[in-house]
Amino acid sequence: MSAPPTFDAFLPRRGYDPAGTPDALLRRLFVESWREPGFHRFWQVWNPMYGWVLYRLYLALGGAGSRRSSCSWAAGSCCTTSRWASRWDNCRS
């Protein structure tokens, strides 16, 4: 298995030039992102750091290889947390 991409390796996937000037980065972030064809693409361009962090988390959970188990884990932890929160609210009242 290969190592997860660094942030500089991830930026070109989103249309950024890591060697570019700060003005080019800001233009891509604040001007060109609004020209994207859909919301999903807008969000990928608008927030590359968040996308990179989520991609690293996805890879840490197993990536495409064990999607079923990572989704089950994520859904189970959300359900457990919400169930715990509702019990906590009942105890306080």
Protein backbone atom coordinates (compact mmCIF):
# COMPACT_ATOMS: atom_id res chain seq x y z
CA MET A 1 0.00 0.00 0.00
CA SER A 2 1.37 3.40 -0.91
CA ALA A 3 1.71 6.27 1.51
CA PRO A 4 -1.13 8.83 1.67
CA PRO A 5 -0.51 11.90 -0.47
CA THR A 6 1.00 14.98 1.08
CA PHE A 7 -0.95 18.23 0.95
CA ASP A 8 1.32 19.51 -1.84
CA ALA A 9 0.63 16.36 -3.87
CA PHE A 10 -3.12 16.71 -3.22
CA LEU A 11 -3.39 20.33 -4.39
CA PRO A 12 -2.93 19.64 -8.14
CA ARG A 13 -5.92 17.25 -8.00
CA ARG A 14 -8.02 20.25 -7.02
CA GLY A 15 -6.57 22.51 -9.69
CA TYR A 16 -4.07 24.38 -7.54
CA ASP A 17 -0.41 24.96 -8.38
CA PRO A 18 1.66 24.47 -5.20
CA ALA A 19 4.53 26.40 -6.77
CA GLY A 20 2.22 29.27 -7.77
CA THR A 21 2.06 32.71 -6.26
CA PRO A 22 -0.23 33.52 -3.33
CA ASP A 23 -2.28 35.70 -5.70
CA ALA A 24 -2.95 32.70 -7.96
CA LEU A 25 -3.99 30.63 -4.95
CA LEU A 26 -6.42 33.30 -3.75
CA ARG A 27 -7.80 33.81 -7.26
CA ARG A 28 -8.46 30.07 -7.57
CA LEU A 29 -10.00 29.96 -4.10
CA PHE A 30 -12.24 33.04 -4.21
CA VAL A 31 -12.96 33.66 -7.91
CA GLU A 32 -12.60 30.52 -10.00
CA SER A 33 -14.33 28.24 -7.50
CA TRP A 34 -17.66 29.99 -8.20
CA ARG A 35 -17.41 28.98 -11.89
CA GLU A 36 -17.42 25.26 -11.16
CA PRO A 37 -20.28 23.26 -12.74
CA GLY A 38 -21.80 21.87 -9.53
CA PHE A 39 -21.77 22.22 -5.78
CA HIS A 40 -19.64 19.10 -5.29
CA ARG A 41 -16.91 20.51 -7.52
CA PHE A 42 -17.24 23.98 -5.96
CA TRP A 43 -16.70 22.47 -2.50
CA GLN A 44 -13.65 20.51 -3.68
CA VAL A 45 -12.04 23.68 -5.01
CA TRP A 46 -13.23 26.00 -2.25
CA ASN A 47 -11.90 23.98 0.66
CA PRO A 48 -8.88 21.85 -0.32
CA MET A 49 -7.54 21.48 3.24
CA TYR A 50 -10.79 19.98 4.54
CA GLY A 51 -10.93 17.63 1.53
CA TRP A 52 -7.37 16.50 2.14
CA VAL A 53 -8.04 15.80 5.82
CA LEU A 54 -11.19 13.83 4.97
CA TYR A 55 -9.32 11.88 2.29
CA ARG A 56 -6.60 10.96 4.79
CA LEU A 57 -9.29 9.85 7.26
CA TYR A 58 -10.94 7.77 4.53
CA LEU A 59 -7.61 6.08 3.79
CA ALA A 60 -6.98 5.50 7.50
CA LEU A 61 -10.33 3.73 7.80
CA GLY A 62 -9.37 1.36 5.01
CA GLY A 63 -10.15 3.26 1.82
CA ALA A 64 -12.03 1.45 -0.93
CA GLY A 65 -10.72 -1.92 0.24
CA SER A 66 -12.84 -2.18 3.38
CA ARG A 67 -15.53 0.39 2.75
CA ARG A 68 -18.24 -1.76 4.29
CA SER A 69 -16.49 -2.16 7.63
CA SER A 70 -15.46 1.50 7.87
CA CYS A 71 -19.01 2.66 7.04
CA SER A 72 -20.42 0.27 9.61
CA TRP A 73 -17.98 1.57 12.20
CA ALA A 74 -18.84 5.22 11.42
CA ALA A 75 -22.60 4.61 11.45
CA GLY A 76 -22.37 2.57 14.64
CA SER A 77 -20.38 5.22 16.45
CA CYS A 78 -22.86 7.92 15.39
CA CYS A 79 -25.83 5.85 16.55
CA THR A 80 -24.14 5.01 19.83
CA THR A 81 -23.30 8.66 20.43
CA SER A 82 -26.85 9.83 19.70
CA ARG A 83 -28.31 7.07 21.89
CA TRP A 84 -25.96 8.05 24.72
CA ALA A 85 -26.90 11.73 24.32
CA SER A 86 -30.62 10.98 24.47
CA ARG A 87 -30.13 8.90 27.64
CA TRP A 88 -28.12 11.72 29.16
CA ASP A 89 -30.96 14.16 28.44
CA ASN A 90 -33.46 11.80 30.11
CA CYS A 91 -31.27 11.50 33.20
CA ARG A 92 -30.94 15.23 33.62
CA SER A 93 -34.68 15.94 33.59
